[in-house]
Amino acid sequence: CDWSSDVCFSDLQQEDLRVTDPSGRELAVLVDRPPAPVAQETGVSSFENRLEGTNTVIVVATGTRQALASIVLETPGRYFLKAVQLEASDDGVAWTAVDRGIPVFREWGAEKLDLPLSGRSAAYLRLTVADVRSAPVPFTGARLRLEPAPAPEPVPVGASIAARDEFSGETVLTVALD
């Protein structure tokens, strides 16, 4: 930005931006941005589910020590709404509550089967699905979404507006790059 004239490139709404060399010849320029990081999905090492009273208890061995974005449940169930308690463990014995009352559902084409883990790593996950208000749902598997790698840091390039010329329907900025 050229703060003295209150002009900033992000504020420009022009249809055409051309870059020229000092002799006035147009240059082809590629503005390259690194791709946004994408969470990868992976399967779980083991998946067990059982009925315990009025709950379905699912125990998953993650098979990874990577940071987890979420766990996604798989089910052929068509119409349901359940609350889930999510716990994590490093040894499968001592459990730590991650969240309670997380809704999972599939209703009329809409679904939410993704339970957030917010970058937590765990060897085991235990999901307790409340079946108090409706019949149990057959959960058949799960997938893990791994936390994406951080985006690369942008490389700053020094620039300043060396000149600004106004013509009818056209503004020409001369930018000096470091």
N, C-alpha and C. Protein backbone atom coordinates (compact mmCIF):
# COMPACT_ATOMS: atom_id res chain seq x y z
N CYS A 1 0.83 -1.19 0.00
CA CYS A 1 0.00 0.00 0.00
C CYS A 1 0.87 1.24 0.00
N ASP A 2 0.40 2.25 -0.67
CA ASP A 2 1.03 3.55 -0.62
C ASP A 2 0.17 4.39 0.32
N TRP A 3 0.57 4.43 1.57
CA TRP A 3 -0.26 5.06 2.59
C TRP A 3 -0.41 6.56 2.38
N SER A 4 0.53 7.18 1.67
CA SER A 4 0.41 8.62 1.45
C SER A 4 -0.75 8.94 0.51
N SER A 5 -1.09 7.99 -0.41
CA SER A 5 -2.21 8.26 -1.32
C SER A 5 -3.41 7.37 -1.04
N ASP A 6 -3.35 6.60 0.04
CA ASP A 6 -4.45 5.71 0.43
C ASP A 6 -4.84 4.73 -0.66
N VAL A 7 -3.88 4.27 -1.45
CA VAL A 7 -4.15 3.28 -2.49
C VAL A 7 -3.52 1.97 -2.05
N CYS A 8 -4.29 0.91 -2.13
CA CYS A 8 -3.79 -0.40 -1.75
C CYS A 8 -4.20 -1.37 -2.86
N PHE A 9 -3.29 -2.30 -3.23
CA PHE A 9 -3.61 -3.23 -4.31
C PHE A 9 -4.85 -4.06 -4.00
N SER A 10 -5.08 -4.40 -2.75
CA SER A 10 -6.26 -5.20 -2.42
C SER A 10 -7.55 -4.42 -2.63
N ASP A 11 -7.45 -3.09 -2.70
CA ASP A 11 -8.63 -2.26 -2.91
C ASP A 11 -8.95 -2.07 -4.39
N LEU A 12 -8.02 -2.41 -5.28
CA LEU A 12 -8.23 -2.19 -6.70
C LEU A 12 -9.27 -3.15 -7.25
N GLN A 13 -10.20 -2.63 -8.01
CA GLN A 13 -11.26 -3.44 -8.61
C GLN A 13 -11.16 -3.33 -10.14
N GLN A 14 -9.98 -3.44 -10.68
CA GLN A 14 -9.79 -3.27 -12.12
C GLN A 14 -9.95 -4.60 -12.84
N GLU A 15 -10.37 -4.52 -14.10
CA GLU A 15 -10.53 -5.70 -14.93
C GLU A 15 -9.19 -6.18 -15.47
N ASP A 16 -8.23 -5.29 -15.59
CA ASP A 16 -6.99 -5.61 -16.31
C ASP A 16 -5.81 -5.07 -15.51
N LEU A 17 -4.90 -5.95 -15.19
CA LEU A 17 -3.66 -5.54 -14.51
C LEU A 17 -2.52 -6.02 -15.38
N ARG A 18 -1.71 -5.09 -15.84
CA ARG A 18 -0.59 -5.44 -16.71
C ARG A 18 0.71 -5.04 -16.04
N VAL A 19 1.71 -5.88 -16.23
CA VAL A 19 3.03 -5.62 -15.67
C VAL A 19 3.98 -5.41 -16.84
N THR A 20 4.73 -4.29 -16.77
CA THR A 20 5.67 -3.98 -17.84
C THR A 20 7.07 -3.80 -17.27
N ASP A 21 8.06 -4.02 -18.12
CA ASP A 21 9.45 -3.77 -17.71
C ASP A 21 9.74 -2.29 -17.90
N PRO A 22 10.93 -1.82 -17.50
CA PRO A 22 11.22 -0.38 -17.62
C PRO A 22 11.11 0.18 -19.04
N SER A 23 11.25 -0.69 -20.06
CA SER A 23 11.15 -0.18 -21.43
C SER A 23 9.71 -0.15 -21.92
N GLY A 24 8.75 -0.62 -21.10
CA GLY A 24 7.35 -0.58 -21.47
C GLY A 24 6.82 -1.87 -22.07
N ARG A 25 7.66 -2.88 -22.17
CA ARG A 25 7.24 -4.16 -22.73
C ARG A 25 6.48 -4.96 -21.66
N GLU A 26 5.32 -5.52 -22.05
CA GLU A 26 4.51 -6.28 -21.10
C GLU A 26 5.21 -7.59 -20.73
N LEU A 27 5.09 -7.95 -19.45
CA LEU A 27 5.68 -9.19 -18.94
C LEU A 27 4.57 -10.14 -18.50
N ALA A 28 4.78 -11.41 -18.75
CA ALA A 28 3.86 -12.42 -18.24
C ALA A 28 4.22 -12.68 -16.78
N VAL A 29 3.24 -12.63 -15.91
CA VAL A 29 3.47 -12.79 -14.49
C VAL A 29 2.51 -13.83 -13.94
N LEU A 30 3.02 -14.68 -13.10
CA LEU A 30 2.18 -15.67 -12.43
C LEU A 30 2.18 -15.34 -10.95
N VAL A 31 1.00 -15.09 -10.40
CA VAL A 31 0.87 -14.88 -8.97
C VAL A 31 0.58 -16.26 -8.38
N ASP A 32 1.53 -16.79 -7.69
CA ASP A 32 1.44 -18.16 -7.20
C ASP A 32 1.22 -18.15 -5.70
N ARG A 33 0.12 -18.75 -5.29
CA ARG A 33 -0.17 -18.90 -3.87
C ARG A 33 -0.08 -20.37 -3.53
N PRO A 34 0.52 -20.70 -2.39
CA PRO A 34 0.57 -22.11 -2.03
C PRO A 34 -0.84 -22.63 -1.78
N PRO A 35 -1.08 -23.89 -2.12
CA PRO A 35 -2.42 -24.43 -1.90
C PRO A 35 -2.76 -24.46 -0.42
N ALA A 36 -4.03 -24.29 -0.12
CA ALA A 36 -4.48 -24.37 1.27
C ALA A 36 -4.31 -25.81 1.74
N PRO A 37 -3.84 -25.99 2.97
CA PRO A 37 -3.68 -27.35 3.48
C PRO A 37 -5.02 -28.08 3.55
N VAL A 38 -4.99 -29.35 3.22
CA VAL A 38 -6.21 -30.17 3.21
C VAL A 38 -6.04 -31.30 4.21
N ALA A 39 -7.08 -31.52 5.00
CA ALA A 39 -7.05 -32.62 5.96
C ALA A 39 -7.13 -33.94 5.19
N GLN A 40 -6.27 -34.88 5.55
CA GLN A 40 -6.29 -36.20 4.92
C GLN A 40 -7.13 -37.13 5.78
N GLU A 41 -7.75 -38.09 5.13
CA GLU A 41 -8.53 -39.10 5.85
C GLU A 41 -7.77 -40.42 5.86
N THR A 42 -7.94 -41.16 6.94
CA THR A 42 -7.34 -42.48 7.06
C THR A 42 -8.31 -43.38 7.82
N GLY A 43 -8.15 -44.67 7.63
CA GLY A 43 -8.97 -45.63 8.36
C GLY A 43 -8.47 -45.80 9.78
N VAL A 44 -9.24 -46.50 10.58
CA VAL A 44 -8.86 -46.79 11.96
C VAL A 44 -8.26 -48.19 12.02
N SER A 45 -7.45 -48.47 13.06
CA SER A 45 -6.84 -49.80 13.21
C SER A 45 -7.86 -50.84 13.62
N SER A 46 -8.76 -50.46 14.53
CA SER A 46 -9.82 -51.39 14.93
C SER A 46 -11.06 -50.61 15.31
N PHE A 47 -12.21 -51.27 15.16
CA PHE A 47 -13.50 -50.65 15.43
C PHE A 47 -14.36 -51.69 16.14
N GLU A 48 -14.75 -51.41 17.36
CA GLU A 48 -15.61 -52.32 18.13
C GLU A 48 -16.82 -51.52 18.61
N ASN A 49 -18.00 -52.13 18.50
CA ASN A 49 -19.16 -51.49 19.11
C ASN A 49 -19.99 -52.55 19.82
N ARG A 50 -20.63 -52.11 20.89
CA ARG A 50 -21.45 -53.02 21.70
C ARG A 50 -22.55 -52.22 22.37
N LEU A 51 -23.63 -52.91 22.71
CA LEU A 51 -24.72 -52.28 23.44
C LEU A 51 -24.46 -52.45 24.92
N GLU A 52 -24.57 -51.36 25.67
CA GLU A 52 -24.45 -51.39 27.13
C GLU A 52 -25.64 -50.63 27.70
N GLY A 53 -26.65 -51.37 28.12
CA GLY A 53 -27.85 -50.73 28.65
C GLY A 53 -28.54 -49.91 27.58
N THR A 54 -28.68 -48.62 27.83
CA THR A 54 -29.34 -47.73 26.87
C THR A 54 -28.34 -46.94 26.03
N ASN A 55 -27.14 -47.47 25.87
CA ASN A 55 -26.10 -46.80 25.09
C ASN A 55 -25.45 -47.77 24.10
N THR A 56 -24.97 -47.23 23.01
CA THR A 56 -24.07 -47.95 22.11
C THR A 56 -22.68 -47.41 22.42
N VAL A 57 -21.75 -48.29 22.75
CA VAL A 57 -20.37 -47.88 23.07
C VAL A 57 -19.47 -48.33 21.92
N ILE A 58 -18.76 -47.38 21.35
CA ILE A 58 -17.84 -47.64 20.23
C ILE A 58 -16.43 -47.34 20.73
N VAL A 59 -15.53 -48.31 20.56
CA VAL A 59 -14.12 -48.10 20.91
C VAL A 59 -13.31 -48.26 19.63
N VAL A 60 -12.49 -47.25 19.36
CA VAL A 60 -11.70 -47.20 18.13
C VAL A 60 -10.23 -47.10 18.50
N ALA A 61 -9.40 -47.96 17.90
CA ALA A 61 -7.94 -47.80 17.98
C ALA A 61 -7.55 -46.97 16.76
N THR A 62 -6.96 -45.81 16.99
CA THR A 62 -6.68 -44.90 15.88
C THR A 62 -5.54 -45.39 15.00
N GLY A 63 -4.54 -46.02 15.60
CA GLY A 63 -3.41 -46.48 14.81
C GLY A 63 -2.48 -45.37 14.37
N THR A 64 -2.61 -44.21 14.97
CA THR A 64 -1.75 -43.08 14.61
C THR A 64 -1.49 -42.22 15.83
N ARG A 65 -0.38 -41.52 15.81
CA ARG A 65 -0.04 -40.55 16.85
C ARG A 65 -0.14 -39.13 16.31
N GLN A 66 -0.63 -38.99 15.09
CA GLN A 66 -0.76 -37.67 14.49
C GLN A 66 -1.93 -36.92 15.13
N ALA A 67 -1.89 -35.61 15.01
CA ALA A 67 -2.98 -34.77 15.50
C ALA A 67 -4.23 -35.05 14.68
N LEU A 68 -5.35 -35.21 15.37
CA LEU A 68 -6.61 -35.56 14.72
C LEU A 68 -7.55 -34.36 14.65
N ALA A 69 -8.10 -34.13 13.48
CA ALA A 69 -9.09 -33.05 13.32
C ALA A 69 -10.46 -33.54 13.76
N SER A 70 -10.82 -34.80 13.39
CA SER A 70 -12.13 -35.32 13.73
C SER A 70 -12.20 -36.81 13.45
N ILE A 71 -13.26 -37.43 13.95
CA ILE A 71 -13.59 -38.80 13.62
C ILE A 71 -14.95 -38.76 12.95
N VAL A 72 -15.09 -39.53 11.87
CA VAL A 72 -16.33 -39.56 11.10
C VAL A 72 -16.91 -40.97 11.21
N LEU A 73 -18.12 -41.05 11.71
CA LEU A 73 -18.78 -42.35 11.86
C LEU A 73 -19.44 -42.78 10.55
N GLU A 74 -19.50 -44.10 10.35
CA GLU A 74 -20.16 -44.66 9.17
C GLU A 74 -21.33 -45.51 9.65
N THR A 75 -22.45 -45.36 8.97
CA THR A 75 -23.65 -46.13 9.33
C THR A 75 -24.59 -46.21 8.14
N PRO A 76 -25.30 -47.34 8.01
CA PRO A 76 -26.34 -47.41 6.99
C PRO A 76 -27.67 -46.82 7.49
N GLY A 77 -27.72 -46.46 8.78
CA GLY A 77 -28.94 -45.89 9.36
C GLY A 77 -29.41 -44.68 8.57
N ARG A 78 -30.73 -44.56 8.38
CA ARG A 78 -31.25 -43.51 7.52
C ARG A 78 -31.82 -42.32 8.27
N TYR A 79 -32.56 -42.55 9.34
CA TYR A 79 -33.20 -41.44 10.05
C TYR A 79 -32.92 -41.59 11.54
N PHE A 80 -32.06 -40.72 12.07
CA PHE A 80 -31.76 -40.79 13.49
C PHE A 80 -31.19 -39.46 13.96
N LEU A 81 -31.28 -39.24 15.25
CA LEU A 81 -30.68 -38.10 15.94
C LEU A 81 -30.23 -38.63 17.28
N LYS A 82 -28.92 -38.56 17.54
CA LYS A 82 -28.34 -39.10 18.77
C LYS A 82 -27.38 -38.08 19.38
N ALA A 83 -27.14 -38.24 20.68
CA ALA A 83 -26.12 -37.46 21.39
C ALA A 83 -24.96 -38.39 21.68
N VAL A 84 -23.73 -37.88 21.53
CA VAL A 84 -22.54 -38.70 21.72
C VAL A 84 -21.62 -38.06 22.75
N GLN A 85 -21.07 -38.91 23.61
CA GLN A 85 -20.01 -38.49 24.52
C GLN A 85 -18.71 -39.02 23.92
N LEU A 86 -17.71 -38.18 23.79
CA LEU A 86 -16.44 -38.55 23.17
C LEU A 86 -15.33 -38.49 24.21
N GLU A 87 -14.55 -39.59 24.29
CA GLU A 87 -13.44 -39.67 25.23
C GLU A 87 -12.19 -40.14 24.49
N ALA A 88 -11.02 -39.79 25.01
CA ALA A 88 -9.75 -40.17 24.41
C ALA A 88 -8.87 -40.85 25.46
N SER A 89 -7.99 -41.73 24.97
CA SER A 89 -7.09 -42.45 25.87
C SER A 89 -5.80 -42.79 25.13
N ASP A 90 -4.70 -42.83 25.87
CA ASP A 90 -3.44 -43.27 25.29
C ASP A 90 -3.18 -44.75 25.52
N ASP A 91 -3.91 -45.34 26.48
CA ASP A 91 -3.66 -46.75 26.81
C ASP A 91 -4.91 -47.63 26.75
N GLY A 92 -6.08 -47.07 26.49
CA GLY A 92 -7.31 -47.84 26.43
C GLY A 92 -7.89 -48.16 27.80
N VAL A 93 -7.28 -47.62 28.87
CA VAL A 93 -7.74 -47.88 30.23
C VAL A 93 -8.22 -46.58 30.89
N ALA A 94 -7.35 -45.57 30.92
CA ALA A 94 -7.68 -44.27 31.52
C ALA A 94 -8.23 -43.36 30.43
N TRP A 95 -9.47 -42.88 30.62
CA TRP A 95 -10.15 -42.09 29.61
C TRP A 95 -10.30 -40.64 30.05
N THR A 96 -10.16 -39.72 29.12
CA THR A 96 -10.34 -38.30 29.34
C THR A 96 -11.47 -37.80 28.46
N ALA A 97 -12.43 -37.10 29.07
CA ALA A 97 -13.57 -36.57 28.30
C ALA A 97 -13.09 -35.49 27.33
N VAL A 98 -13.51 -35.61 26.09
CA VAL A 98 -13.22 -34.60 25.08
C VAL A 98 -14.42 -33.66 24.94
N ASP A 99 -15.63 -34.26 24.83
CA ASP A 99 -16.85 -33.47 24.70
C ASP A 99 -18.05 -34.35 25.01
N ARG A 100 -19.15 -33.72 25.39
CA ARG A 100 -20.39 -34.44 25.71
C ARG A 100 -21.55 -33.82 24.94
N GLY A 101 -22.54 -34.64 24.65
CA GLY A 101 -23.75 -34.15 24.01
C GLY A 101 -23.56 -33.71 22.57
N ILE A 102 -22.58 -34.27 21.87
CA ILE A 102 -22.34 -33.90 20.47
C ILE A 102 -23.44 -34.53 19.62
N PRO A 103 -24.16 -33.75 18.85
CA PRO A 103 -25.23 -34.34 18.03
C PRO A 103 -24.66 -35.03 16.79
N VAL A 104 -25.17 -36.22 16.51
CA VAL A 104 -24.95 -36.90 15.23
C VAL A 104 -26.33 -37.22 14.68
N PHE A 105 -26.49 -37.06 13.38
CA PHE A 105 -27.82 -37.29 12.81
C PHE A 105 -27.74 -37.55 11.32
N ARG A 106 -28.81 -38.11 10.82
CA ARG A 106 -29.08 -38.22 9.40
C ARG A 106 -30.59 -38.10 9.26
N GLU A 107 -31.03 -37.03 8.66
CA GLU A 107 -32.46 -36.73 8.52
C GLU A 107 -32.70 -36.05 7.19
N TRP A 108 -33.55 -36.63 6.35
CA TRP A 108 -34.03 -36.01 5.12
C TRP A 108 -32.90 -35.45 4.26
N GLY A 109 -31.84 -36.21 4.09
CA GLY A 109 -30.73 -35.80 3.23
C GLY A 109 -29.63 -35.02 3.92
N ALA A 110 -29.89 -34.51 5.11
CA ALA A 110 -28.86 -33.79 5.86
C ALA A 110 -28.24 -34.77 6.85
N GLU A 111 -26.94 -34.62 7.07
CA GLU A 111 -26.29 -35.48 8.05
C GLU A 111 -25.13 -34.78 8.72
N LYS A 112 -24.83 -35.22 9.92
CA LYS A 112 -23.64 -34.78 10.66
C LYS A 112 -23.14 -36.00 11.41
N LEU A 113 -22.08 -36.58 10.89
CA LEU A 113 -21.48 -37.77 11.51
C LEU A 113 -20.03 -37.50 11.89
N ASP A 114 -19.63 -36.26 11.82
CA ASP A 114 -18.26 -35.82 12.08
C ASP A 114 -18.18 -35.28 13.51
N LEU A 115 -17.27 -35.84 14.32
CA LEU A 115 -17.09 -35.40 15.71
C LEU A 115 -15.71 -34.74 15.84
N PRO A 116 -15.66 -33.45 16.21
CA PRO A 116 -14.39 -32.73 16.23
C PRO A 116 -13.46 -33.19 17.36
N LEU A 117 -12.16 -33.23 17.04
CA LEU A 117 -11.13 -33.59 18.02
C LEU A 117 -10.12 -32.46 18.24
N SER A 118 -10.19 -31.41 17.47
CA SER A 118 -9.41 -30.18 17.68
C SER A 118 -7.91 -30.41 17.82
N GLY A 119 -7.34 -31.25 16.99
CA GLY A 119 -5.89 -31.44 17.00
C GLY A 119 -5.36 -32.35 18.08
N ARG A 120 -6.23 -33.02 18.80
CA ARG A 120 -5.82 -33.94 19.86
C ARG A 120 -5.27 -35.21 19.21
N SER A 121 -4.25 -35.79 19.83
CA SER A 121 -3.78 -37.10 19.39
C SER A 121 -4.15 -38.10 20.48
N ALA A 122 -4.54 -39.29 20.05
CA ALA A 122 -4.95 -40.33 21.00
C ALA A 122 -4.80 -41.69 20.34
N ALA A 123 -4.40 -42.66 21.12
CA ALA A 123 -4.30 -44.03 20.61
C ALA A 123 -5.68 -44.66 20.50
N TYR A 124 -6.59 -44.27 21.41
CA TYR A 124 -7.94 -44.83 21.44
C TYR A 124 -8.97 -43.73 21.60
N LEU A 125 -10.13 -43.96 21.00
CA LEU A 125 -11.27 -43.07 21.18
C LEU A 125 -12.47 -43.92 21.59
N ARG A 126 -13.24 -43.40 22.54
CA ARG A 126 -14.46 -44.09 22.96
C ARG A 126 -15.63 -43.13 22.76
N LEU A 127 -16.64 -43.63 22.04
CA LEU A 127 -17.82 -42.84 21.76
C LEU A 127 -19.01 -43.55 22.39
N THR A 128 -19.71 -42.86 23.26
CA THR A 128 -20.90 -43.42 23.90
C THR A 128 -22.11 -42.72 23.31
N VAL A 129 -22.89 -43.50 22.55
CA VAL A 129 -24.06 -42.97 21.84
C VAL A 129 -25.30 -43.25 22.67
N ALA A 130 -26.02 -42.20 23.03
CA ALA A 130 -27.23 -42.34 23.85
C ALA A 130 -28.38 -42.89 23.01
N ASP A 131 -28.90 -44.06 23.45
CA ASP A 131 -30.03 -44.70 22.76
C ASP A 131 -31.30 -44.65 23.61
N VAL A 132 -31.37 -43.72 24.55
CA VAL A 132 -32.49 -43.64 25.48
C VAL A 132 -33.80 -43.31 24.76
N ARG A 133 -33.79 -42.39 23.82
CA ARG A 133 -35.01 -41.89 23.19
C ARG A 133 -35.42 -42.62 21.92
N SER A 134 -34.50 -43.40 21.34
CA SER A 134 -34.83 -44.11 20.11
C SER A 134 -33.99 -45.38 20.00
N ALA A 135 -34.34 -46.22 19.06
CA ALA A 135 -33.65 -47.51 18.88
C ALA A 135 -32.19 -47.28 18.51
N PRO A 136 -31.31 -48.22 18.88
CA PRO A 136 -29.89 -48.10 18.52
C PRO A 136 -29.70 -48.05 16.99
N VAL A 137 -28.66 -47.38 16.58
CA VAL A 137 -28.29 -47.26 15.17
C VAL A 137 -27.07 -48.14 14.93
N PRO A 138 -27.03 -48.91 13.85
CA PRO A 138 -25.86 -49.75 13.60
C PRO A 138 -24.70 -48.95 13.02
N PHE A 139 -23.73 -48.61 13.83
CA PHE A 139 -22.53 -47.95 13.35
C PHE A 139 -21.57 -49.05 12.89
N THR A 140 -21.07 -48.93 11.65
CA THR A 140 -20.31 -50.01 11.04
C THR A 140 -18.83 -49.71 10.87
N GLY A 141 -18.42 -48.48 11.08
CA GLY A 141 -17.02 -48.14 10.90
C GLY A 141 -16.78 -46.67 11.19
N ALA A 142 -15.52 -46.27 11.03
CA ALA A 142 -15.14 -44.88 11.26
C ALA A 142 -13.91 -44.55 10.43
N ARG A 143 -13.76 -43.27 10.13
CA ARG A 143 -12.58 -42.74 9.46
C ARG A 143 -12.04 -41.60 10.31
N LEU A 144 -10.76 -41.38 10.23
CA LEU A 144 -10.13 -40.27 10.95
C LEU A 144 -9.72 -39.20 9.96
N ARG A 145 -9.98 -37.96 10.31
CA ARG A 145 -9.47 -36.83 9.55
C ARG A 145 -8.28 -36.29 10.33
N LEU A 146 -7.12 -36.30 9.68
CA LEU A 146 -5.90 -35.81 10.32
C LEU A 146 -5.83 -34.29 10.18
N GLU A 147 -5.25 -33.65 11.18
CA GLU A 147 -5.05 -32.20 11.11
C GLU A 147 -4.16 -31.89 9.91
N PRO A 148 -4.52 -30.91 9.10
CA PRO A 148 -3.66 -30.57 7.97
C PRO A 148 -2.37 -29.92 8.45
N ALA A 149 -1.33 -30.08 7.65
CA ALA A 149 -0.06 -29.42 7.96
C ALA A 149 -0.28 -27.92 7.88
N PRO A 150 0.48 -27.16 8.64
CA PRO A 150 0.30 -25.70 8.56
C PRO A 150 0.67 -25.19 7.17
N ALA A 151 0.00 -24.15 6.77
CA ALA A 151 0.27 -23.53 5.47
C ALA A 151 1.67 -22.92 5.49
N PRO A 152 2.36 -22.97 4.37
CA PRO A 152 3.68 -22.34 4.33
C PRO A 152 3.55 -20.84 4.58
N GLU A 153 4.53 -20.30 5.23
CA GLU A 153 4.53 -18.86 5.50
C GLU A 153 4.74 -18.10 4.20
N PRO A 154 3.98 -17.03 3.99
CA PRO A 154 4.21 -16.24 2.78
C PRO A 154 5.56 -15.56 2.85
N VAL A 155 6.15 -15.38 1.69
CA VAL A 155 7.44 -14.72 1.60
C VAL A 155 7.18 -13.26 1.24
N PRO A 156 7.49 -12.35 2.14
CA PRO A 156 7.22 -10.94 1.83
C PRO A 156 8.16 -10.42 0.75
N VAL A 157 7.61 -9.62 -0.12
CA VAL A 157 8.40 -8.98 -1.16
C VAL A 157 8.16 -7.49 -1.00
N GLY A 158 9.24 -6.77 -0.83
CA GLY A 158 9.11 -5.32 -0.67
C GLY A 158 8.68 -4.67 -1.97
N ALA A 159 7.76 -3.75 -1.87
CA ALA A 159 7.28 -3.03 -3.05
C ALA A 159 6.84 -1.64 -2.62
N SER A 160 7.01 -0.72 -3.54
CA SER A 160 6.52 0.64 -3.28
C SER A 160 6.02 1.23 -4.59
N ILE A 161 5.05 2.12 -4.49
CA ILE A 161 4.53 2.77 -5.69
C ILE A 161 5.46 3.91 -6.02
N ALA A 162 6.13 3.78 -7.17
CA ALA A 162 7.10 4.79 -7.59
C ALA A 162 6.41 5.94 -8.32
N ALA A 163 5.33 5.63 -9.04
CA ALA A 163 4.61 6.69 -9.77
C ALA A 163 3.18 6.25 -10.00
N ARG A 164 2.31 7.26 -10.16
CA ARG A 164 0.89 6.99 -10.44
C ARG A 164 0.44 8.00 -11.49
N ASP A 165 -0.03 7.48 -12.63
CA ASP A 165 -0.50 8.33 -13.72
C ASP A 165 -1.96 8.01 -14.00
N GLU A 166 -2.78 9.06 -14.11
CA GLU A 166 -4.21 8.90 -14.37
C GLU A 166 -4.49 9.31 -15.82
N PHE A 167 -5.18 8.41 -16.52
CA PHE A 167 -5.62 8.68 -17.88
C PHE A 167 -7.12 8.41 -17.94
N SER A 168 -7.75 8.74 -19.04
CA SER A 168 -9.19 8.51 -19.19
C SER A 168 -9.46 7.01 -19.13
N GLY A 169 -10.12 6.57 -18.05
CA GLY A 169 -10.48 5.16 -17.89
C GLY A 169 -9.32 4.26 -17.56
N GLU A 170 -8.18 4.82 -17.18
CA GLU A 170 -7.01 3.99 -16.93
C GLU A 170 -6.12 4.65 -15.88
N THR A 171 -5.63 3.81 -14.97
CA THR A 171 -4.66 4.27 -13.99
C THR A 171 -3.41 3.42 -14.18
N VAL A 172 -2.27 4.07 -14.26
CA VAL A 172 -1.00 3.36 -14.41
C VAL A 172 -0.19 3.58 -13.15
N LEU A 173 0.10 2.48 -12.48
CA LEU A 173 0.94 2.52 -11.29
C LEU A 173 2.30 1.96 -11.66
N THR A 174 3.33 2.63 -11.27
CA THR A 174 4.68 2.11 -11.43
C THR A 174 5.12 1.64 -10.06
N VAL A 175 5.40 0.34 -9.97
CA VAL A 175 5.74 -0.29 -8.69
C VAL A 175 7.21 -0.66 -8.72
N ALA A 176 7.93 -0.24 -7.71
CA ALA A 176 9.35 -0.61 -7.57
C ALA A 176 9.44 -1.79 -6.60
N LEU A 177 10.01 -2.89 -7.06
CA LEU A 177 10.17 -4.08 -6.23
C LEU A 177 11.59 -4.10 -5.67
N ASP A 178 11.74 -4.61 -4.46
CA ASP A 178 13.06 -4.72 -3.85
C ASP A 178 13.91 -5.72 -4.60
